[in-house]
Amino acid sequence: MAVDIRIPLGLGFLILGGILALFGLFTRENVALYEKYQGLNPNLVWGAVMFLFGAVMFFIGRRQKWQHDPFNPGPWETLAAIKPRH
């Protein structure tokens, strides 16, 4: 069974974005840490962006069904696709 690449990528972005967003959430009171960003919390913002991107990738990957169908093969599974071009 083939795994759609969007599923592991989505999980990776979900996990890393969640960790980064949680770090930004727990350190939002630290003024010295975000002084050079003029009060903006980039960890929280980019963590949320990564988390949302990961969620979209994961759910789109889970929605697609990649199944082996012997009656309707994909173009990469036909014999015409593996013929040498002479």
Protein backbone atom coordinates (compact mmCIF):
# COMPACT_ATOMS: atom_id res chain seq x y z
CA MET A 1 0.00 0.00 0.00
CA ALA A 2 1.38 3.36 -1.03
CA VAL A 3 1.47 6.16 1.52
CA ASP A 4 0.64 9.63 0.29
CA ILE A 5 3.55 11.97 1.05
CA ARG A 6 1.12 14.56 2.43
CA ILE A 7 0.33 12.41 5.46
CA PRO A 8 3.84 12.23 7.01
CA LEU A 9 4.62 15.81 5.97
CA GLY A 10 1.38 16.97 7.52
CA LEU A 11 2.12 15.11 10.73
CA GLY A 12 5.60 16.61 10.88
CA PHE A 13 4.30 20.14 10.43
CA LEU A 14 1.50 19.49 12.93
CA ILE A 15 3.95 18.33 15.60
CA LEU A 16 6.61 21.01 15.01
CA GLY A 17 4.04 23.77 14.64
CA GLY A 18 2.31 22.66 17.82
CA ILE A 19 5.57 22.64 19.77
CA LEU A 20 6.55 26.07 18.44
CA ALA A 21 3.10 27.54 19.13
CA LEU A 22 3.09 26.14 22.66
CA PHE A 23 6.54 27.63 23.27
CA GLY A 24 5.30 30.99 22.03
CA LEU A 25 2.19 30.70 24.16
CA PHE A 26 4.12 29.92 27.36
CA THR A 27 6.77 32.63 26.77
CA ARG A 28 4.43 35.45 25.70
CA GLU A 29 4.96 37.24 29.04
CA ASN A 30 8.75 37.39 28.54
CA VAL A 31 9.20 40.96 27.27
CA ALA A 32 12.98 40.70 26.93
CA LEU A 33 12.71 37.70 24.60
CA TYR A 34 10.48 39.51 22.09
CA GLU A 35 11.90 43.02 22.48
CA LYS A 36 13.63 43.02 19.10
CA TYR A 37 10.39 41.91 17.40
CA GLN A 38 8.54 45.01 18.67
CA GLY A 39 6.22 42.98 20.87
CA LEU A 40 5.21 40.53 18.15
CA ASN A 41 5.50 36.88 19.14
CA PRO A 42 6.97 35.14 16.05
CA ASN A 43 7.03 31.73 17.73
CA LEU A 44 3.29 31.83 18.31
CA VAL A 45 2.52 33.22 14.84
CA TRP A 46 4.73 30.84 12.85
CA GLY A 47 3.79 27.91 15.07
CA ALA A 48 0.14 28.54 14.26
CA VAL A 49 0.94 28.88 10.54
CA MET A 50 2.90 25.62 10.54
CA PHE A 51 0.17 23.87 12.53
CA LEU A 52 -2.54 24.99 10.10
CA PHE A 53 -0.43 24.00 7.07
CA GLY A 54 0.21 20.59 8.61
CA ALA A 55 -3.49 20.11 9.35
CA VAL A 56 -4.42 20.94 5.75
CA MET A 57 -1.77 18.61 4.33
CA PHE A 58 -2.70 15.78 6.68
CA PHE A 59 -6.44 15.97 6.05
CA ILE A 60 -6.04 16.30 2.28
CA GLY A 61 -3.72 13.29 2.32
CA ARG A 62 -6.19 11.28 4.39
CA ARG A 63 -9.06 12.24 2.10
CA GLN A 64 -7.40 10.85 -1.05
CA LYS A 65 -7.75 7.10 -1.47
CA TRP A 66 -4.82 5.46 -3.22
CA GLN A 67 -6.02 1.95 -3.83
CA HIS A 68 -4.84 -0.68 -6.22
CA ASP A 69 -7.61 -1.18 -8.76
CA PRO A 70 -6.85 -4.05 -11.18
CA PHE A 71 -9.79 -3.16 -13.43
CA ASN A 72 -8.90 0.52 -13.86
CA PRO A 73 -5.11 0.80 -13.55
CA GLY A 74 -3.44 4.17 -13.39
CA PRO A 75 -1.32 5.35 -16.32
CA TRP A 76 1.86 4.42 -14.45
CA GLU A 77 0.64 0.80 -14.04
CA THR A 78 -0.12 -0.04 -17.67
CA LEU A 79 2.19 -2.00 -19.92
CA ALA A 80 2.30 0.90 -22.37
CA ALA A 81 4.03 2.98 -19.73
CA ILE A 82 6.92 0.49 -19.43
CA LYS A 83 7.53 -0.10 -23.15
CA PRO A 84 10.91 1.11 -24.29
CA ARG A 85 10.84 3.99 -26.76
CA HIS A 86 12.85 2.81 -29.80
